[in-house]
């Protein structure tokens, strides 16, 4: 694979924004069921974006 610096920057932004989103969910949402649902949504979104950028499946 031929990775550029842009690829690493995009990966860093994706992982950082996912971490900030998860931290916000855990700080702001008190209901555990909502925390689990929002966590799954955030992680699935990360996976879909990562796969799309990596191989263009979708």
PDB file of N, CA and C in Angstrom:
ATOM      1  N   UNK A   1       0.836  -1.174   0.000  1.00  0.00           N
ATOM      2  CA  UNK A   1       0.000   0.000   0.000  1.00  0.00           C
ATOM      3  C   UNK A   1       0.881   1.237   0.000  1.00  0.00           C
ATOM      4  N   UNK A   2       0.441   2.234  -0.677  1.00  0.00           N
ATOM      5  CA  UNK A   2       1.168   3.494  -0.768  1.00  0.00           C
ATOM      6  C   UNK A   2       0.436   4.549   0.069  1.00  0.00           C
ATOM      7  N   UNK A   3       0.846   4.674   1.325  1.00  0.00           N
ATOM      8  CA  UNK A   3       0.207   5.606   2.241  1.00  0.00           C
ATOM      9  C   UNK A   3       0.918   6.952   2.191  1.00  0.00           C
ATOM     10  N   UNK A   4       0.130   7.990   2.131  1.00  0.00           N
ATOM     11  CA  UNK A   4       0.660   9.349   2.201  1.00  0.00           C
ATOM     12  C   UNK A   4       0.432   9.904   3.599  1.00  0.00           C
ATOM     13  N   UNK A   5       0.983  11.068   3.851  1.00  0.00           N
ATOM     14  CA  UNK A   5       0.776  11.722   5.141  1.00  0.00           C
ATOM     15  C   UNK A   5      -0.701  12.090   5.327  1.00  0.00           C
ATOM     16  N   UNK A   6      -1.385  12.363   4.237  1.00  0.00           N
ATOM     17  CA  UNK A   6      -2.813  12.702   4.305  1.00  0.00           C
ATOM     18  C   UNK A   6      -3.612  11.531   4.868  1.00  0.00           C
ATOM     19  N   UNK A   7      -3.245  10.309   4.500  1.00  0.00           N
ATOM     20  CA  UNK A   7      -3.932   9.127   5.017  1.00  0.00           C
ATOM     21  C   UNK A   7      -3.807   9.032   6.536  1.00  0.00           C
ATOM     22  N   UNK A   8      -2.626   9.325   7.046  1.00  0.00           N
ATOM     23  CA  UNK A   8      -2.415   9.285   8.489  1.00  0.00           C
ATOM     24  C   UNK A   8      -3.160  10.420   9.191  1.00  0.00           C
ATOM     25  N   UNK A   9      -3.216  11.566   8.564  1.00  0.00           N
ATOM     26  CA  UNK A   9      -3.960  12.692   9.138  1.00  0.00           C
ATOM     27  C   UNK A   9      -5.448  12.370   9.202  1.00  0.00           C
ATOM     28  N   UNK A  10      -5.980  11.805   8.135  1.00  0.00           N
ATOM     29  CA  UNK A  10      -7.402  11.440   8.112  1.00  0.00           C
ATOM     30  C   UNK A  10      -7.697  10.384   9.168  1.00  0.00           C
ATOM     31  N   UNK A  11      -6.831   9.394   9.298  1.00  0.00           N
ATOM     32  CA  UNK A  11      -7.017   8.359  10.318  1.00  0.00           C
ATOM     33  C   UNK A  11      -6.983   8.976  11.711  1.00  0.00           C
ATOM     34  N   UNK A  12      -6.069   9.882  11.939  1.00  0.00           N
ATOM     35  CA  UNK A  12      -5.976  10.550  13.227  1.00  0.00           C
ATOM     36  C   UNK A  12      -7.216  11.372  13.543  1.00  0.00           C
ATOM     37  N   UNK A  13      -7.717  12.075  12.538  1.00  0.00           N
ATOM     38  CA  UNK A  13      -8.931  12.874  12.734  1.00  0.00           C
ATOM     39  C   UNK A  13     -10.126  11.967  13.024  1.00  0.00           C
ATOM     40  N   UNK A  14     -10.239  10.874  12.290  1.00  0.00           N
ATOM     41  CA  UNK A  14     -11.350   9.939  12.527  1.00  0.00           C
ATOM     42  C   UNK A  14     -11.300   9.343  13.935  1.00  0.00           C
ATOM     43  N   UNK A  15     -10.131   8.890  14.343  1.00  0.00           N
ATOM     44  CA  UNK A  15     -10.009   8.278  15.665  1.00  0.00           C
ATOM     45  C   UNK A  15     -10.185   9.303  16.779  1.00  0.00           C
ATOM     46  N   UNK A  16      -9.648  10.492  16.588  1.00  0.00           N
ATOM     47  CA  UNK A  16      -9.797  11.537  17.603  1.00  0.00           C
ATOM     48  C   UNK A  16     -11.252  11.969  17.752  1.00  0.00           C
ATOM     49  N   UNK A  17     -11.912  12.188  16.630  1.00  0.00           N
ATOM     50  CA  UNK A  17     -13.307  12.618  16.700  1.00  0.00           C
ATOM     51  C   UNK A  17     -14.192  11.520  17.290  1.00  0.00           C
ATOM     52  N   UNK A  18     -13.869  10.273  17.014  1.00  0.00           N
ATOM     53  CA  UNK A  18     -14.619   9.172  17.624  1.00  0.00           C
ATOM     54  C   UNK A  18     -14.405   9.153  19.129  1.00  0.00           C
ATOM     55  N   UNK A  19     -13.186   9.342  19.562  1.00  0.00           N
ATOM     56  CA  UNK A  19     -12.897   9.390  20.993  1.00  0.00           C
ATOM     57  C   UNK A  19     -13.607  10.537  21.684  1.00  0.00           C
ATOM     58  N   UNK A  20     -13.589  11.717  21.073  1.00  0.00           N
ATOM     59  CA  UNK A  20     -14.288  12.860  21.657  1.00  0.00           C
ATOM     60  C   UNK A  20     -15.796  12.630  21.704  1.00  0.00           C
ATOM     61  N   UNK A  21     -16.342  12.021  20.660  1.00  0.00           N
ATOM     62  CA  UNK A  21     -17.777  11.738  20.639  1.00  0.00           C
ATOM     63  C   UNK A  21     -18.159  10.742  21.728  1.00  0.00           C
ATOM     64  N   UNK A  22     -17.347   9.706  21.891  1.00  0.00           N
ATOM     65  CA  UNK A  22     -17.624   8.717  22.933  1.00  0.00           C
ATOM     66  C   UNK A  22     -17.495   9.327  24.325  1.00  0.00           C
ATOM     67  N   UNK A  23     -16.487  10.146  24.525  1.00  0.00           N
ATOM     68  CA  UNK A  23     -16.318  10.802  25.817  1.00  0.00           C
ATOM     69  C   UNK A  23     -17.508  11.716  26.124  1.00  0.00           C
ATOM     70  N   UNK A  24     -17.990  12.422  25.116  1.00  0.00           N
ATOM     71  CA  UNK A  24     -19.137  13.301  25.300  1.00  0.00           C
ATOM     72  C   UNK A  24     -20.381  12.497  25.654  1.00  0.00           C
ATOM     73  N   UNK A  25     -20.574  11.376  24.977  1.00  0.00           N
ATOM     74  CA  UNK A  25     -21.727  10.523  25.281  1.00  0.00           C
ATOM     75  C   UNK A  25     -21.676  10.058  26.726  1.00  0.00           C
ATOM     76  N   UNK A  26     -20.524   9.608  27.172  1.00  0.00           N
ATOM     77  CA  UNK A  26     -20.419   9.092  28.537  1.00  0.00           C
ATOM     78  C   UNK A  26     -20.544  10.193  29.584  1.00  0.00           C
ATOM     79  N   UNK A  27     -20.188  11.424  29.237  1.00  0.00           N
ATOM     80  CA  UNK A  27     -20.306  12.521  30.188  1.00  0.00           C
ATOM     81  C   UNK A  27     -21.718  13.100  30.235  1.00  0.00           C
ATOM     82  N   UNK A  28     -22.396  13.156  29.098  1.00  0.00           N
ATOM     83  CA  UNK A  28     -23.666  13.876  29.011  1.00  0.00           C
ATOM     84  C   UNK A  28     -24.898  12.987  29.165  1.00  0.00           C
ATOM     85  N   UNK A  29     -24.780  11.714  28.815  1.00  0.00           N
ATOM     86  CA  UNK A  29     -25.941  10.823  28.824  1.00  0.00           C
ATOM     87  C   UNK A  29     -25.889   9.964  30.078  1.00  0.00           C
ATOM     88  N   UNK A  30     -26.966  10.028  30.875  1.00  0.00           N
ATOM     89  CA  UNK A  30     -26.997   9.294  32.136  1.00  0.00           C
ATOM     90  C   UNK A  30     -27.563   7.881  31.975  1.00  0.00           C
ATOM     91  N   UNK A  31     -28.491   7.708  31.042  1.00  0.00           N
ATOM     92  CA  UNK A  31     -29.134   6.419  30.848  1.00  0.00           C
ATOM     93  C   UNK A  31     -28.178   5.448  30.147  1.00  0.00           C
ATOM     94  N   UNK A  32     -27.975   4.295  30.763  1.00  0.00           N
ATOM     95  CA  UNK A  32     -27.015   3.313  30.235  1.00  0.00           C
ATOM     96  C   UNK A  32     -27.470   2.775  28.885  1.00  0.00           C
ATOM     97  N   UNK A  33     -28.756   2.564  28.717  1.00  0.00           N
ATOM     98  CA  UNK A  33     -29.248   2.050  27.420  1.00  0.00           C
ATOM     99  C   UNK A  33     -28.972   3.033  26.295  1.00  0.00           C
ATOM    100  N   UNK A  34     -29.151   4.311  26.565  1.00  0.00           N
ATOM    101  CA  UNK A  34     -28.860   5.325  25.555  1.00  0.00           C
ATOM    102  C   UNK A  34     -27.360   5.403  25.286  1.00  0.00           C
ATOM    103  N   UNK A  35     -26.555   5.244  26.331  1.00  0.00           N
ATOM    104  CA  UNK A  35     -25.106   5.236  26.145  1.00  0.00           C
ATOM    105  C   UNK A  35     -24.680   4.096  25.228  1.00  0.00           C
ATOM    106  N   UNK A  36     -25.237   2.916  25.461  1.00  0.00           N
ATOM    107  CA  UNK A  36     -24.883   1.751  24.633  1.00  0.00           C
ATOM    108  C   UNK A  36     -25.325   1.976  23.194  1.00  0.00           C
ATOM    109  N   UNK A  37     -26.537   2.484  23.011  1.00  0.00           N
ATOM    110  CA  UNK A  37     -27.049   2.712  21.659  1.00  0.00           C
ATOM    111  C   UNK A  37     -26.210   3.749  20.924  1.00  0.00           C
ATOM    112  N   UNK A  38     -25.905   4.845  21.583  1.00  0.00           N
ATOM    113  CA  UNK A  38     -25.105   5.885  20.937  1.00  0.00           C
ATOM    114  C   UNK A  38     -23.677   5.422  20.673  1.00  0.00           C
ATOM    115  N   UNK A  39     -23.124   4.632  21.582  1.00  0.00           N
ATOM    116  CA  UNK A  39     -21.782   4.081  21.372  1.00  0.00           C
ATOM    117  C   UNK A  39     -21.752   3.172  20.149  1.00  0.00           C
ATOM    118  N   UNK A  40     -22.746   2.325  20.017  1.00  0.00           N
ATOM    119  CA  UNK A  40     -22.817   1.447  18.840  1.00  0.00           C
ATOM    120  C   UNK A  40     -22.954   2.245  17.553  1.00  0.00           C
ATOM    121  N   UNK A  41     -23.774   3.278  17.586  1.00  0.00           N
ATOM    122  CA  UNK A  41     -23.955   4.118  16.395  1.00  0.00           C
ATOM    123  C   UNK A  41     -22.640   4.797  16.021  1.00  0.00           C
ATOM    124  N   UNK A  42     -21.951   5.335  17.015  1.00  0.00           N
ATOM    125  CA  UNK A  42     -20.676   6.014  16.748  1.00  0.00           C
ATOM    126  C   UNK A  42     -19.641   5.039  16.200  1.00  0.00           C
ATOM    127  N   UNK A  43     -19.531   3.867  16.808  1.00  0.00           N
ATOM    128  CA  UNK A  43     -18.537   2.891  16.347  1.00  0.00           C
ATOM    129  C   UNK A  43     -18.872   2.335  14.961  1.00  0.00           C
ATOM    130  N   UNK A  44     -20.139   2.090  14.698  1.00  0.00           N
ATOM    131  CA  UNK A  44     -20.524   1.621  13.358  1.00  0.00           C
ATOM    132  C   UNK A  44     -20.257   2.692  12.302  1.00  0.00           C
ATOM    133  N   UNK A  45     -20.492   3.932  12.655  1.00  0.00           N
ATOM    134  CA  UNK A  45     -20.190   5.018  11.729  1.00  0.00           C
ATOM    135  C   UNK A  45     -18.697   5.082  11.445  1.00  0.00           C
ATOM    136  N   UNK A  46     -17.886   4.950  12.487  1.00  0.00           N
ATOM    137  CA  UNK A  46     -16.435   4.930  12.299  1.00  0.00           C
ATOM    138  C   UNK A  46     -16.021   3.790  11.377  1.00  0.00           C
ATOM    139  N   UNK A  47     -16.553   2.608  11.621  1.00  0.00           N
ATOM    140  CA  UNK A  47     -16.188   1.442  10.808  1.00  0.00           C
ATOM    141  C   UNK A  47     -16.604   1.637   9.352  1.00  0.00           C
ATOM    142  N   UNK A  48     -17.809   2.146   9.129  1.00  0.00           N
ATOM    143  CA  UNK A  48     -18.267   2.356   7.754  1.00  0.00           C
ATOM    144  C   UNK A  48     -17.410   3.381   7.020  1.00  0.00           C
ATOM    145  N   UNK A  49     -17.071   4.466   7.691  1.00  0.00           N
ATOM    146  CA  UNK A  49     -16.232   5.479   7.052  1.00  0.00           C
ATOM    147  C   UNK A  49     -14.836   4.914   6.790  1.00  0.00           C
ATOM    148  N   UNK A  50     -14.288   4.182   7.749  1.00  0.00           N
ATOM    149  CA  UNK A  50     -12.944   3.616   7.611  1.00  0.00           C
ATOM    150  C   UNK A  50     -12.895   2.639   6.433  1.00  0.00           C
ATOM    151  N   UNK A  51     -13.887   1.772   6.342  1.00  0.00           N
ATOM    152  CA  UNK A  51     -13.921   0.784   5.256  1.00  0.00           C
ATOM    153  C   UNK A  51     -14.078   1.486   3.912  1.00  0.00           C
ATOM    154  N   UNK A  52     -14.930   2.474   3.867  1.00  0.00           N
ATOM    155  CA  UNK A  52     -15.142   3.197   2.615  1.00  0.00           C
ATOM    156  C   UNK A  52     -13.850   3.887   2.156  1.00  0.00           C
ATOM    157  N   UNK A  53     -13.166   4.512   3.075  1.00  0.00           N
ATOM    158  CA  UNK A  53     -11.926   5.189   2.710  1.00  0.00           C
ATOM    159  C   UNK A  53     -10.817   4.194   2.375  1.00  0.00           C
ATOM    160  N   UNK A  54     -10.812   3.043   3.050  1.00  0.00           N
ATOM    161  CA  UNK A  54      -9.733   2.088   2.846  1.00  0.00           C
ATOM    162  C   UNK A  54      -9.853   1.343   1.520  1.00  0.00           C
ATOM    163  N   UNK A  55     -11.028   0.822   1.239  1.00  0.00           N
ATOM    164  CA  UNK A  55     -11.159  -0.019   0.057  1.00  0.00           C
ATOM    165  C   UNK A  55     -12.295   0.384  -0.864  1.00  0.00           C
ATOM    166  N   UNK A  56     -13.145   1.279  -0.445  1.00  0.00           N
ATOM    167  CA  UNK A  56     -14.226   1.730  -1.293  1.00  0.00           C
ATOM    168  C   UNK A  56     -15.275   0.682  -1.550  1.00  0.00           C
ATOM    169  N   UNK A  57     -15.644  -0.093  -0.527  1.00  0.00           N
ATOM    170  CA  UNK A  57     -16.647  -1.144  -0.703  1.00  0.00           C
ATOM    171  C   UNK A  57     -18.028  -0.583  -0.977  1.00  0.00           C
ATOM    172  N   UNK A  58     -18.402   0.454  -0.259  1.00  0.00           N
ATOM    173  CA  UNK A  58     -19.763   0.991  -0.395  1.00  0.00           C
ATOM    174  C   UNK A  58     -19.890   1.947  -1.542  1.00  0.00           C
TER     175      UNK A  58
END
